[in-house]
């Protein structure tokens, strides 16, 4: 599915079999460049949040590390 520019979509990852696998997967188009999205539900000091990783669709698949829980402090929501 090709996204409109500066838009994206995430879907629940029904194929998740390990904790390191993303909870949600999807794709986005940012400035005309296509990206794969991966998102993890995390628990921080201020409650739940989503950690999101982007990878270019044109690059070979690689392991993506979720953002560390400590970054929750800088998220305003």
Protein backbone atom coordinates (compact mmCIF):
# COMPACT_ATOMS: atom_id res chain seq x y z
CA UNK A 1 0.00 0.00 0.00
CA UNK A 2 1.49 3.33 -1.02
CA UNK A 3 0.77 6.15 1.40
CA UNK A 4 -0.03 9.75 0.53
CA UNK A 5 2.93 12.04 1.18
CA UNK A 6 3.55 12.81 4.86
CA UNK A 7 1.13 10.11 6.03
CA UNK A 8 1.49 6.65 7.48
CA UNK A 9 -0.37 3.73 9.01
CA UNK A 10 0.26 1.22 11.81
CA UNK A 11 -1.45 -2.15 12.31
CA UNK A 12 -1.31 -4.56 15.26
CA UNK A 13 1.44 -7.14 14.63
CA UNK A 14 -0.47 -10.46 14.64
CA UNK A 15 2.79 -12.33 13.87
CA UNK A 16 4.61 -11.25 17.05
CA UNK A 17 6.23 -14.30 18.69
CA UNK A 18 8.98 -12.67 20.80
CA UNK A 19 9.10 -9.65 23.13
CA UNK A 20 11.63 -7.91 20.87
CA UNK A 21 9.22 -8.04 17.90
CA UNK A 22 7.21 -4.83 17.40
CA UNK A 23 3.65 -4.61 18.75
CA UNK A 24 2.61 -2.65 15.63
CA UNK A 25 3.98 -2.55 12.07
CA UNK A 26 3.21 -0.34 9.11
CA UNK A 27 4.52 2.10 6.57
CA UNK A 28 4.80 5.82 5.95
CA UNK A 29 5.69 8.28 3.22
CA UNK A 30 7.73 11.24 4.49
CA UNK A 31 8.73 13.86 1.94
CA UNK A 32 8.22 11.35 -0.87
CA UNK A 33 10.45 8.68 0.74
CA UNK A 34 8.85 5.35 1.71
CA UNK A 35 9.57 3.90 5.19
CA UNK A 36 8.65 0.77 7.14
CA UNK A 37 7.42 1.54 10.67
CA UNK A 38 7.76 -0.59 13.79
CA UNK A 39 6.24 0.39 17.14
CA UNK A 40 6.51 -1.04 20.65
CA UNK A 41 4.20 -0.32 23.59
CA UNK A 42 6.45 0.65 26.52
CA UNK A 43 5.86 1.45 30.18
CA UNK A 44 7.64 4.57 31.45
CA UNK A 45 7.61 6.53 34.68
CA UNK A 46 4.70 8.64 33.38
CA UNK A 47 2.68 5.75 31.94
CA UNK A 48 2.46 3.91 28.64
CA UNK A 49 3.92 5.27 25.42
CA UNK A 50 4.88 4.07 21.93
CA UNK A 51 8.48 3.76 20.80
CA UNK A 52 8.67 4.00 16.98
CA UNK A 53 11.45 3.02 14.58
CA UNK A 54 11.70 3.91 10.88
CA UNK A 55 13.64 2.02 8.20
CA UNK A 56 13.86 2.84 4.50
CA UNK A 57 11.87 0.49 2.27
CA UNK A 58 14.74 0.52 -0.25
CA UNK A 59 17.27 -0.85 2.27
CA UNK A 60 17.57 -4.56 3.14
CA UNK A 61 15.76 -5.62 6.30
CA UNK A 62 17.78 -5.19 9.49
CA UNK A 63 17.24 -5.51 13.21
CA UNK A 64 15.71 -2.39 14.71
CA UNK A 65 16.29 -1.55 18.37
CA UNK A 66 13.36 0.09 20.17
CA UNK A 67 13.95 3.42 21.87
CA UNK A 68 15.12 3.13 25.47
CA UNK A 69 12.49 3.66 28.20
CA UNK A 70 14.54 6.54 29.65
CA UNK A 71 13.60 8.73 26.68
CA UNK A 72 10.07 8.83 28.07
CA UNK A 73 11.10 11.87 30.10
CA UNK A 74 11.45 13.99 26.95
CA UNK A 75 8.10 13.02 25.43
CA UNK A 76 5.52 15.74 26.13
CA UNK A 77 2.46 13.45 26.00
